[in-house]
């Protein structure tokens, strides 16, 4: 885990007068699941394109699996798997034929049957891809990315169209590949997915990394507060958004003479942290405005019937 699969230092990329990437630094260890998050236009796709050698950088230094992507040869590319957001297998081929076709592109591919089992399509090998559901086609899109036993796997919005069962299988697949030593870079707008599978996350906004760390660390360092829930008189549920939950709970304890009924403290979600970091958070914290004034014990204006 100490050896780097990806090292990016001061990456810059411009398109005319527009700066798409402005000094991005990344260190991604081998065997790590790394989430790359950011709004549209933040620089994620450009960064991934540079990692793959599809786009040339204007500044900085990039090393992927020990070499500069712009000089990557066919053997180097065979060590990298990619699953793009808009991929779709040829409609006239069967599922099994599709996987076998891509297997021929790699020197030591996984067995096609194993790959179909990995992506949850073992029972559909003889089915034409045109007959698959949208979620099944998306699962099939994963197969070319993993069949070559990649050292580095880049996933672009991989769970689009997945139902809960498919999401569960995807998470198991990511954990298995990471346990085998595959480095995985995940770009997604699904914050729950990123938080569930990523060892570390980098948030990019306006071409720069604005935060980096494991999901819990991001919540602790960049969360703006927490929601305190409790049960008020008459069994009515109350919510208070606060940047000092300890003080809020202490005041509630004094108010209720000890134990606070139905007390629950909910830390900021990864989505709330993300929206705050990228400048997309609504000014309203999202807290329920109908709450008790726990200092005076009087209901606030929003509590009036």
C-alpha atoms as a PDB file:
ATOM      1  CA  UNK A   1       0.000   0.000   0.000  1.00  0.00           C
ATOM      2  CA  UNK A   2       2.997   2.348   0.315  1.00  0.00           C
ATOM      3  CA  UNK A   3       3.888   2.108  -3.398  1.00  0.00           C
ATOM      4  CA  UNK A   4       2.151   4.658  -5.564  1.00  0.00           C
ATOM      5  CA  UNK A   5       0.103   3.562  -8.561  1.00  0.00           C
ATOM      6  CA  UNK A   6      -0.649   7.188  -9.500  1.00  0.00           C
ATOM      7  CA  UNK A   7       1.400  10.288  -8.709  1.00  0.00           C
ATOM      8  CA  UNK A   8       0.190  13.657  -9.947  1.00  0.00           C
ATOM      9  CA  UNK A   9       2.042  16.860  -9.082  1.00  0.00           C
ATOM     10  CA  UNK A  10       0.905  20.327 -10.115  1.00  0.00           C
ATOM     11  CA  UNK A  11      -1.199  19.115 -13.047  1.00  0.00           C
ATOM     12  CA  UNK A  12      -2.455  21.922 -15.281  1.00  0.00           C
ATOM     13  CA  UNK A  13      -4.575  21.837 -18.404  1.00  0.00           C
ATOM     14  CA  UNK A  14      -6.132  24.696 -20.371  1.00  0.00           C
ATOM     15  CA  UNK A  15      -8.583  24.779 -23.254  1.00  0.00           C
ATOM     16  CA  UNK A  16      -8.084  28.165 -24.850  1.00  0.00           C
ATOM     17  CA  UNK A  17      -8.806  30.759 -22.176  1.00  0.00           C
ATOM     18  CA  UNK A  18     -10.410  28.214 -19.850  1.00  0.00           C
ATOM     19  CA  UNK A  19      -8.327  26.563 -17.139  1.00  0.00           C
ATOM     20  CA  UNK A  20      -9.806  23.093 -16.652  1.00  0.00           C
ATOM     21  CA  UNK A  21      -7.207  21.776 -14.190  1.00  0.00           C
ATOM     22  CA  UNK A  22      -5.256  24.198 -12.032  1.00  0.00           C
ATOM     23  CA  UNK A  23      -2.460  22.575 -10.040  1.00  0.00           C
ATOM     24  CA  UNK A  24      -3.961  19.203  -9.027  1.00  0.00           C
ATOM     25  CA  UNK A  25      -1.867  16.956  -6.757  1.00  0.00           C
ATOM     26  CA  UNK A  26      -2.834  13.299  -6.227  1.00  0.00           C
ATOM     27  CA  UNK A  27      -1.137  10.350  -4.554  1.00  0.00           C
ATOM     28  CA  UNK A  28      -2.965   7.054  -5.054  1.00  0.00           C
ATOM     29  CA  UNK A  29      -1.491   3.929  -3.482  1.00  0.00           C
ATOM     30  CA  UNK A  30      -1.525   0.475  -5.038  1.00  0.00           C
ATOM     31  CA  UNK A  31      -4.532  -1.539  -3.939  1.00  0.00           C
ATOM     32  CA  UNK A  32      -6.433   1.577  -2.885  1.00  0.00           C
ATOM     33  CA  UNK A  33      -9.994   2.509  -3.829  1.00  0.00           C
ATOM     34  CA  UNK A  34      -9.846   6.226  -4.530  1.00  0.00           C
ATOM     35  CA  UNK A  35     -12.951   8.340  -5.119  1.00  0.00           C
ATOM     36  CA  UNK A  36     -12.627  11.400  -7.346  1.00  0.00           C
ATOM     37  CA  UNK A  37     -15.648  13.637  -6.786  1.00  0.00           C
ATOM     38  CA  UNK A  38     -16.683  16.984  -8.183  1.00  0.00           C
ATOM     39  CA  UNK A  39     -19.443  18.752 -10.104  1.00  0.00           C
ATOM     40  CA  UNK A  40     -19.619  18.774 -13.877  1.00  0.00           C
ATOM     41  CA  UNK A  41     -16.849  20.944 -15.273  1.00  0.00           C
ATOM     42  CA  UNK A  42     -14.697  20.638 -12.156  1.00  0.00           C
ATOM     43  CA  UNK A  43     -11.821  18.946 -13.993  1.00  0.00           C
ATOM     44  CA  UNK A  44     -12.433  15.257 -13.208  1.00  0.00           C
ATOM     45  CA  UNK A  45     -12.736  14.062 -16.800  1.00  0.00           C
ATOM     46  CA  UNK A  46      -9.722  16.063 -17.913  1.00  0.00           C
ATOM     47  CA  UNK A  47      -7.650  14.633 -15.065  1.00  0.00           C
ATOM     48  CA  UNK A  48      -8.688  11.073 -15.928  1.00  0.00           C
ATOM     49  CA  UNK A  49      -7.965  11.742 -19.608  1.00  0.00           C
ATOM     50  CA  UNK A  50      -4.423  12.817 -18.719  1.00  0.00           C
ATOM     51  CA  UNK A  51      -3.939   9.717 -16.530  1.00  0.00           C
ATOM     52  CA  UNK A  52      -4.853   7.544 -19.508  1.00  0.00           C
ATOM     53  CA  UNK A  53      -2.678   9.423 -21.958  1.00  0.00           C
ATOM     54  CA  UNK A  54      -5.710  10.592 -23.925  1.00  0.00           C
ATOM     55  CA  UNK A  55      -5.006  14.259 -23.203  1.00  0.00           C
ATOM     56  CA  UNK A  56      -1.691  16.079 -22.922  1.00  0.00           C
ATOM     57  CA  UNK A  57      -1.009  18.185 -19.877  1.00  0.00           C
ATOM     58  CA  UNK A  58       0.098  21.806 -20.075  1.00  0.00           C
ATOM     59  CA  UNK A  59       2.052  21.652 -16.836  1.00  0.00           C
ATOM     60  CA  UNK A  60       2.999  19.456 -13.903  1.00  0.00           C
ATOM     61  CA  UNK A  61       4.201  15.878 -13.668  1.00  0.00           C
ATOM     62  CA  UNK A  62       2.164  12.661 -13.975  1.00  0.00           C
ATOM     63  CA  UNK A  63       3.245   9.076 -13.362  1.00  0.00           C
ATOM     64  CA  UNK A  64       0.858   6.141 -13.776  1.00  0.00           C
ATOM     65  CA  UNK A  65       2.156   2.660 -12.987  1.00  0.00           C
ATOM     66  CA  UNK A  66       5.658   4.077 -13.050  1.00  0.00           C
ATOM     67  CA  UNK A  67       5.662   5.967 -16.331  1.00  0.00           C
ATOM     68  CA  UNK A  68       4.347   9.075 -18.064  1.00  0.00           C
ATOM     69  CA  UNK A  69       0.998   8.348 -19.740  1.00  0.00           C
ATOM     70  CA  UNK A  70       1.831  10.332 -22.877  1.00  0.00           C
ATOM     71  CA  UNK A  71       4.607   7.832 -23.608  1.00  0.00           C
ATOM     72  CA  UNK A  72       2.567   4.782 -22.658  1.00  0.00           C
ATOM     73  CA  UNK A  73       2.889   1.845 -25.079  1.00  0.00           C
ATOM     74  CA  UNK A  74       0.450  -0.976 -25.762  1.00  0.00           C
ATOM     75  CA  UNK A  75       1.849  -3.155 -22.976  1.00  0.00           C
ATOM     76  CA  UNK A  76       1.441  -0.315 -20.476  1.00  0.00           C
ATOM     77  CA  UNK A  77      -2.143   0.269 -21.617  1.00  0.00           C
ATOM     78  CA  UNK A  78      -2.953  -3.430 -21.164  1.00  0.00           C
ATOM     79  CA  UNK A  79      -2.280  -2.970 -17.440  1.00  0.00           C
ATOM     80  CA  UNK A  80      -5.125  -0.446 -17.166  1.00  0.00           C
ATOM     81  CA  UNK A  81      -8.845  -1.153 -17.292  1.00  0.00           C
ATOM     82  CA  UNK A  82     -11.432   1.526 -18.045  1.00  0.00           C
ATOM     83  CA  UNK A  83     -15.215   1.592 -17.761  1.00  0.00           C
ATOM     84  CA  UNK A  84     -16.695   4.718 -19.335  1.00  0.00           C
ATOM     85  CA  UNK A  85     -20.075   6.139 -18.416  1.00  0.00           C
ATOM     86  CA  UNK A  86     -21.519   5.922 -21.925  1.00  0.00           C
ATOM     87  CA  UNK A  87     -20.208   2.517 -23.019  1.00  0.00           C
ATOM     88  CA  UNK A  88     -22.534  -0.034 -24.557  1.00  0.00           C
ATOM     89  CA  UNK A  89     -21.748  -3.451 -26.040  1.00  0.00           C
ATOM     90  CA  UNK A  90     -22.683  -4.275 -29.664  1.00  0.00           C
ATOM     91  CA  UNK A  91     -26.365  -5.199 -29.749  1.00  0.00           C
ATOM     92  CA  UNK A  92     -25.956  -8.108 -32.191  1.00  0.00           C
ATOM     93  CA  UNK A  93     -23.517 -10.067 -29.994  1.00  0.00           C
ATOM     94  CA  UNK A  94     -24.453 -12.307 -27.103  1.00  0.00           C
ATOM     95  CA  UNK A  95     -23.182 -11.533 -23.630  1.00  0.00           C
ATOM     96  CA  UNK A  96     -20.692 -14.397 -23.822  1.00  0.00           C
ATOM     97  CA  UNK A  97     -19.469 -13.334 -27.274  1.00  0.00           C
ATOM     98  CA  UNK A  98     -18.968  -9.772 -26.069  1.00  0.00           C
ATOM     99  CA  UNK A  99     -16.777 -10.824 -23.144  1.00  0.00           C
ATOM    100  CA  UNK A 100     -14.788 -13.271 -25.322  1.00  0.00           C
ATOM    101  CA  UNK A 101     -14.208 -10.517 -27.891  1.00  0.00           C
ATOM    102  CA  UNK A 102     -12.644  -8.174 -25.336  1.00  0.00           C
ATOM    103  CA  UNK A 103     -10.637 -11.011 -23.776  1.00  0.00           C
ATOM    104  CA  UNK A 104      -8.620 -11.315 -26.992  1.00  0.00           C
ATOM    105  CA  UNK A 105      -7.218  -7.812 -26.426  1.00  0.00           C
ATOM    106  CA  UNK A 106      -5.240  -8.832 -23.315  1.00  0.00           C
ATOM    107  CA  UNK A 107      -2.190 -11.085 -22.868  1.00  0.00           C
ATOM    108  CA  UNK A 108      -3.461 -12.955 -19.798  1.00  0.00           C
ATOM    109  CA  UNK A 109      -7.216 -12.391 -19.417  1.00  0.00           C
ATOM    110  CA  UNK A 110      -9.520 -13.815 -16.797  1.00  0.00           C
ATOM    111  CA  UNK A 111     -11.701 -16.717 -17.835  1.00  0.00           C
ATOM    112  CA  UNK A 112     -14.820 -15.336 -19.524  1.00  0.00           C
ATOM    113  CA  UNK A 113     -17.118 -17.407 -17.311  1.00  0.00           C
ATOM    114  CA  UNK A 114     -15.457 -15.997 -14.194  1.00  0.00           C
ATOM    115  CA  UNK A 115     -15.946 -12.469 -15.492  1.00  0.00           C
ATOM    116  CA  UNK A 116     -19.640 -13.072 -16.160  1.00  0.00           C
ATOM    117  CA  UNK A 117     -20.015 -14.376 -12.619  1.00  0.00           C
ATOM    118  CA  UNK A 118     -18.170 -11.316 -11.261  1.00  0.00           C
ATOM    119  CA  UNK A 119     -20.559  -8.886 -12.937  1.00  0.00           C
ATOM    120  CA  UNK A 120     -23.675 -10.933 -12.188  1.00  0.00           C
ATOM    121  CA  UNK A 121     -24.450 -12.137 -15.729  1.00  0.00           C
ATOM    122  CA  UNK A 122     -23.499 -15.809 -15.506  1.00  0.00           C
ATOM    123  CA  UNK A 123     -27.047 -16.863 -16.412  1.00  0.00           C
ATOM    124  CA  UNK A 124     -27.191 -14.570 -19.459  1.00  0.00           C
ATOM    125  CA  UNK A 125     -24.187 -15.739 -21.500  1.00  0.00           C
ATOM    126  CA  UNK A 126     -26.351 -16.776 -24.492  1.00  0.00           C
ATOM    127  CA  UNK A 127     -28.585 -13.734 -24.399  1.00  0.00           C
ATOM    128  CA  UNK A 128     -28.155 -10.977 -26.966  1.00  0.00           C
ATOM    129  CA  UNK A 129     -27.119  -7.668 -25.469  1.00  0.00           C
ATOM    130  CA  UNK A 130     -30.049  -5.957 -27.198  1.00  0.00           C
ATOM    131  CA  UNK A 131     -32.386  -7.993 -24.963  1.00  0.00           C
ATOM    132  CA  UNK A 132     -30.738  -6.888 -21.714  1.00  0.00           C
ATOM    133  CA  UNK A 133     -32.241  -4.315 -19.397  1.00  0.00           C
ATOM    134  CA  UNK A 134     -30.456  -1.006 -18.907  1.00  0.00           C
ATOM    135  CA  UNK A 135     -28.983  -2.142 -15.598  1.00  0.00           C
ATOM    136  CA  UNK A 136     -27.836  -5.446 -17.112  1.00  0.00           C
ATOM    137  CA  UNK A 137     -26.144  -3.645 -20.008  1.00  0.00           C
ATOM    138  CA  UNK A 138     -24.348  -1.442 -17.493  1.00  0.00           C
ATOM    139  CA  UNK A 139     -23.147  -4.556 -15.663  1.00  0.00           C
ATOM    140  CA  UNK A 140     -21.893  -5.905 -18.971  1.00  0.00           C
ATOM    141  CA  UNK A 141     -19.970  -2.640 -19.451  1.00  0.00           C
ATOM    142  CA  UNK A 142     -17.930  -3.592 -16.370  1.00  0.00           C
ATOM    143  CA  UNK A 143     -16.686  -6.809 -17.987  1.00  0.00           C
ATOM    144  CA  UNK A 144     -14.138  -5.304 -20.442  1.00  0.00           C
ATOM    145  CA  UNK A 145     -12.704  -3.247 -17.609  1.00  0.00           C
ATOM    146  CA  UNK A 146     -11.888  -6.234 -15.401  1.00  0.00           C
ATOM    147  CA  UNK A 147     -11.213  -9.044 -17.858  1.00  0.00           C
ATOM    148  CA  UNK A 148      -7.573  -8.065 -18.450  1.00  0.00           C
ATOM    149  CA  UNK A 149      -6.647  -8.346 -14.736  1.00  0.00           C
ATOM    150  CA  UNK A 150      -5.798  -4.624 -14.610  1.00  0.00           C
ATOM    151  CA  UNK A 151      -3.372  -3.182 -12.093  1.00  0.00           C
ATOM    152  CA  UNK A 152      -5.305   0.081 -12.328  1.00  0.00           C
ATOM    153  CA  UNK A 153      -9.051   0.283 -12.975  1.00  0.00           C
ATOM    154  CA  UNK A 154     -10.782   3.589 -13.745  1.00  0.00           C
ATOM    155  CA  UNK A 155     -14.552   3.613 -13.279  1.00  0.00           C
ATOM    156  CA  UNK A 156     -16.654   6.494 -14.613  1.00  0.00           C
ATOM    157  CA  UNK A 157     -20.129   6.580 -13.029  1.00  0.00           C
ATOM    158  CA  UNK A 158     -20.184   2.749 -12.951  1.00  0.00           C
ATOM    159  CA  UNK A 159     -23.466   2.213 -11.063  1.00  0.00           C
ATOM    160  CA  UNK A 160     -25.787   4.286 -13.251  1.00  0.00           C
ATOM    161  CA  UNK A 161     -28.999   2.304 -13.703  1.00  0.00           C
ATOM    162  CA  UNK A 162     -28.176  -0.267 -11.007  1.00  0.00           C
ATOM    163  CA  UNK A 163     -30.877  -1.622  -8.717  1.00  0.00           C
ATOM    164  CA  UNK A 164     -30.018  -2.293  -5.032  1.00  0.00           C
ATOM    165  CA  UNK A 165     -28.973  -5.901  -5.717  1.00  0.00           C
ATOM    166  CA  UNK A 166     -26.650  -4.811  -8.521  1.00  0.00           C
ATOM    167  CA  UNK A 167     -25.145  -2.107  -6.298  1.00  0.00           C
ATOM    168  CA  UNK A 168     -24.441  -4.694  -3.625  1.00  0.00           C
ATOM    169  CA  UNK A 169     -22.747  -6.953  -6.162  1.00  0.00           C
ATOM    170  CA  UNK A 170     -20.733  -4.003  -7.480  1.00  0.00           C
ATOM    171  CA  UNK A 171     -19.446  -3.202  -4.004  1.00  0.00           C
ATOM    172  CA  UNK A 172     -18.437  -6.826  -3.521  1.00  0.00           C
ATOM    173  CA  UNK A 173     -16.624  -6.714  -6.878  1.00  0.00           C
ATOM    174  CA  UNK A 174     -14.709  -3.569  -5.895  1.00  0.00           C
ATOM    175  CA  UNK A 175     -13.681  -5.075  -2.557  1.00  0.00           C
ATOM    176  CA  UNK A 176     -12.542  -8.300  -4.228  1.00  0.00           C
ATOM    177  CA  UNK A 177     -10.475  -6.489  -6.854  1.00  0.00           C
ATOM    178  CA  UNK A 178      -8.891  -4.239  -4.235  1.00  0.00           C
ATOM    179  CA  UNK A 179      -8.048  -7.281  -2.098  1.00  0.00           C
ATOM    180  CA  UNK A 180      -6.301  -8.770  -5.144  1.00  0.00           C
ATOM    181  CA  UNK A 181      -4.170  -5.624  -5.392  1.00  0.00           C
ATOM    182  CA  UNK A 182      -6.040  -3.689  -8.083  1.00  0.00           C
ATOM    183  CA  UNK A 183      -5.951   0.077  -7.679  1.00  0.00           C
ATOM    184  CA  UNK A 184      -9.380   1.569  -8.396  1.00  0.00           C
ATOM    185  CA  UNK A 185     -10.166   5.177  -9.245  1.00  0.00           C
ATOM    186  CA  UNK A 186     -13.882   5.930  -9.090  1.00  0.00           C
ATOM    187  CA  UNK A 187     -15.498   9.085 -10.483  1.00  0.00           C
ATOM    188  CA  UNK A 188     -19.132   9.408  -9.514  1.00  0.00           C
ATOM    189  CA  UNK A 189     -21.917  11.752  -8.474  1.00  0.00           C
ATOM    190  CA  UNK A 190     -23.305   9.031  -6.183  1.00  0.00           C
ATOM    191  CA  UNK A 191     -22.038  10.156  -2.783  1.00  0.00           C
ATOM    192  CA  UNK A 192     -23.424   7.094  -0.996  1.00  0.00           C
ATOM    193  CA  UNK A 193     -21.524   4.832  -3.385  1.00  0.00           C
ATOM    194  CA  UNK A 194     -18.306   6.793  -2.979  1.00  0.00           C
ATOM    195  CA  UNK A 195     -18.578   6.732   0.805  1.00  0.00           C
ATOM    196  CA  UNK A 196     -19.315   3.000   0.858  1.00  0.00           C
ATOM    197  CA  UNK A 197     -16.401   1.773  -1.279  1.00  0.00           C
ATOM    198  CA  UNK A 198     -13.650   4.418  -1.161  1.00  0.00           C
ATOM    199  CA  UNK A 199     -10.620   4.221   1.115  1.00  0.00           C
ATOM    200  CA  UNK A 200      -9.937   7.880   0.366  1.00  0.00           C
ATOM    201  CA  UNK A 201     -11.717  10.640  -1.529  1.00  0.00           C
ATOM    202  CA  UNK A 202     -10.531  13.791  -3.272  1.00  0.00           C
ATOM    203  CA  UNK A 203     -13.055  16.533  -3.977  1.00  0.00           C
ATOM    204  CA  UNK A 204     -12.282  18.703  -7.012  1.00  0.00           C
ATOM    205  CA  UNK A 205     -13.880  22.100  -7.607  1.00  0.00           C
ATOM    206  CA  UNK A 206     -12.913  24.637 -10.276  1.00  0.00           C
ATOM    207  CA  UNK A 207      -9.910  22.584 -11.297  1.00  0.00           C
ATOM    208  CA  UNK A 208      -8.400  22.241  -7.828  1.00  0.00           C
ATOM    209  CA  UNK A 209      -8.447  19.645  -5.073  1.00  0.00           C
ATOM    210  CA  UNK A 210     -10.333  21.351  -2.234  1.00  0.00           C
ATOM    211  CA  UNK A 211     -10.302  18.425   0.207  1.00  0.00           C
ATOM    212  CA  UNK A 212      -8.876  14.934   0.531  1.00  0.00           C
ATOM    213  CA  UNK A 213      -9.153  12.161   3.112  1.00  0.00           C
ATOM    214  CA  UNK A 214     -11.148   9.090   4.057  1.00  0.00           C
ATOM    215  CA  UNK A 215     -14.945   9.583   4.203  1.00  0.00           C
ATOM    216  CA  UNK A 216     -15.076   9.872   8.000  1.00  0.00           C
ATOM    217  CA  UNK A 217     -12.185  12.330   8.014  1.00  0.00           C
ATOM    218  CA  UNK A 218     -13.927  14.534   5.457  1.00  0.00           C
ATOM    219  CA  UNK A 219     -17.071  14.569   7.583  1.00  0.00           C
ATOM    220  CA  UNK A 220     -15.104  15.525  10.721  1.00  0.00           C
ATOM    221  CA  UNK A 221     -12.938  18.185   9.110  1.00  0.00           C
ATOM    222  CA  UNK A 222     -15.407  19.804   6.767  1.00  0.00           C
ATOM    223  CA  UNK A 223     -18.830  19.144   8.264  1.00  0.00           C
ATOM    224  CA  UNK A 224     -20.553  22.399   9.229  1.00  0.00           C
ATOM    225  CA  UNK A 225     -22.576  20.953  12.088  1.00  0.00           C
ATOM    226  CA  UNK A 226     -24.920  18.166  13.151  1.00  0.00           C
ATOM    227  CA  UNK A 227     -28.612  17.539  13.622  1.00  0.00           C
ATOM    228  CA  UNK A 228     -29.845  16.808  17.128  1.00  0.00           C
ATOM    229  CA  UNK A 229     -33.201  14.999  17.224  1.00  0.00           C
ATOM    230  CA  UNK A 230     -35.333  14.413  20.320  1.00  0.00           C
ATOM    231  CA  UNK A 231     -38.949  13.872  21.352  1.00  0.00           C
ATOM    232  CA  UNK A 232     -40.708  16.912  22.758  1.00  0.00           C
ATOM    233  CA  UNK A 233     -43.957  17.251  24.730  1.00  0.00           C
ATOM    234  CA  UNK A 234     -46.829  15.266  23.331  1.00  0.00           C
ATOM    235  CA  UNK A 235     -44.459  12.944  21.470  1.00  0.00           C
ATOM    236  CA  UNK A 236     -43.678  15.562  18.855  1.00  0.00           C
ATOM    237  CA  UNK A 237     -40.322  15.046  17.126  1.00  0.00           C
ATOM    238  CA  UNK A 238     -37.910  17.979  17.293  1.00  0.00           C
ATOM    239  CA  UNK A 239     -34.776  18.773  15.311  1.00  0.00           C
ATOM    240  CA  UNK A 240     -32.046  21.326  15.976  1.00  0.00           C
ATOM    241  CA  UNK A 241     -29.199  22.038  13.529  1.00  0.00           C
ATOM    242  CA  UNK A 242     -26.148  23.099  15.493  1.00  0.00           C
ATOM    243  CA  UNK A 243     -22.412  23.588  15.120  1.00  0.00           C
ATOM    244  CA  UNK A 244     -22.011  22.680  18.805  1.00  0.00           C
ATOM    245  CA  UNK A 245     -23.982  19.470  19.451  1.00  0.00           C
ATOM    246  CA  UNK A 246     -22.387  18.974  22.895  1.00  0.00           C
ATOM    247  CA  UNK A 247     -23.737  22.307  24.086  1.00  0.00           C
ATOM    248  CA  UNK A 248     -27.157  21.534  22.612  1.00  0.00           C
ATOM    249  CA  UNK A 249     -27.361  18.140  24.318  1.00  0.00           C
ATOM    250  CA  UNK A 250     -26.213  19.641  27.648  1.00  0.00           C
ATOM    251  CA  UNK A 251     -28.962  22.246  27.441  1.00  0.00           C
ATOM    252  CA  UNK A 252     -31.533  19.593  26.570  1.00  0.00           C
ATOM    253  CA  UNK A 253     -30.394  17.415  29.466  1.00  0.00           C
ATOM    254  CA  UNK A 254     -30.861  20.307  31.870  1.00  0.00           C
ATOM    255  CA  UNK A 255     -34.236  21.059  30.350  1.00  0.00           C
ATOM    256  CA  UNK A 256     -35.511  17.475  30.713  1.00  0.00           C
ATOM    257  CA  UNK A 257     -33.853  16.789  34.045  1.00  0.00           C
ATOM    258  CA  UNK A 258     -31.375  14.173  32.847  1.00  0.00           C
ATOM    259  CA  UNK A 259     -32.065  11.783  30.014  1.00  0.00           C
ATOM    260  CA  UNK A 260     -33.392  13.373  26.830  1.00  0.00           C
ATOM    261  CA  UNK A 261     -36.260  11.380  25.316  1.00  0.00           C
ATOM    262  CA  UNK A 262     -35.570   9.993  21.853  1.00  0.00           C
ATOM    263  CA  UNK A 263     -32.180  11.697  21.640  1.00  0.00           C
ATOM    264  CA  UNK A 264     -30.312  11.116  18.387  1.00  0.00           C
ATOM    265  CA  UNK A 265     -27.326  13.003  16.981  1.00  0.00           C
ATOM    266  CA  UNK A 266     -26.810  12.790  13.221  1.00  0.00           C
ATOM    267  CA  UNK A 267     -23.427  14.001  11.927  1.00  0.00           C
ATOM    268  CA  UNK A 268     -23.207  15.748   8.556  1.00  0.00           C
ATOM    269  CA  UNK A 269     -23.575  13.430   5.605  1.00  0.00           C
ATOM    270  CA  UNK A 270     -20.901  13.088   2.952  1.00  0.00           C
ATOM    271  CA  UNK A 271     -23.320  14.762   0.548  1.00  0.00           C
ATOM    272  CA  UNK A 272     -23.632  17.812   2.804  1.00  0.00           C
ATOM    273  CA  UNK A 273     -19.845  18.017   3.106  1.00  0.00           C
ATOM    274  CA  UNK A 274     -19.477  17.692  -0.667  1.00  0.00           C
ATOM    275  CA  UNK A 275     -22.013  20.432  -1.379  1.00  0.00           C
ATOM    276  CA  UNK A 276     -20.288  22.733   1.091  1.00  0.00           C
ATOM    277  CA  UNK A 277     -16.825  22.081  -0.356  1.00  0.00           C
ATOM    278  CA  UNK A 278     -17.930  22.623  -3.943  1.00  0.00           C
ATOM    279  CA  UNK A 279     -19.906  25.743  -3.155  1.00  0.00           C
ATOM    280  CA  UNK A 280     -23.195  24.147  -4.149  1.00  0.00           C
ATOM    281  CA  UNK A 281     -24.769  24.028  -0.703  1.00  0.00           C
ATOM    282  CA  UNK A 282     -28.048  25.841  -0.254  1.00  0.00           C
ATOM    283  CA  UNK A 283     -27.934  28.608   2.340  1.00  0.00           C
ATOM    284  CA  UNK A 284     -30.587  26.734   4.263  1.00  0.00           C
ATOM    285  CA  UNK A 285     -28.900  24.024   6.331  1.00  0.00           C
ATOM    286  CA  UNK A 286     -31.841  21.737   5.686  1.00  0.00           C
ATOM    287  CA  UNK A 287     -32.665  21.524   9.381  1.00  0.00           C
ATOM    288  CA  UNK A 288     -36.270  21.464  10.481  1.00  0.00           C
ATOM    289  CA  UNK A 289     -37.168  25.067  11.346  1.00  0.00           C
ATOM    290  CA  UNK A 290     -39.851  23.862  13.745  1.00  0.00           C
ATOM    291  CA  UNK A 291     -37.846  23.337  16.932  1.00  0.00           C
ATOM    292  CA  UNK A 292     -37.984  24.218  20.577  1.00  0.00           C
ATOM    293  CA  UNK A 293     -35.897  27.054  21.975  1.00  0.00           C
ATOM    294  CA  UNK A 294     -33.992  24.828  24.392  1.00  0.00           C
ATOM    295  CA  UNK A 295     -32.547  27.817  26.257  1.00  0.00           C
ATOM    296  CA  UNK A 296     -35.862  29.296  27.361  1.00  0.00           C
ATOM    297  CA  UNK A 297     -38.046  26.264  26.859  1.00  0.00           C
ATOM    298  CA  UNK A 298     -40.416  28.308  24.724  1.00  0.00           C
ATOM    299  CA  UNK A 299     -41.427  27.283  21.232  1.00  0.00           C
ATOM    300  CA  UNK A 300     -40.040  29.494  18.476  1.00  0.00           C
ATOM    301  CA  UNK A 301     -42.194  31.270  15.940  1.00  0.00           C
ATOM    302  CA  UNK A 302     -42.104  28.298  13.653  1.00  0.00           C
ATOM    303  CA  UNK A 303     -43.789  26.199  16.361  1.00  0.00           C
ATOM    304  CA  UNK A 304     -46.919  28.274  16.393  1.00  0.00           C
ATOM    305  CA  UNK A 305     -49.984  26.373  15.242  1.00  0.00           C
END
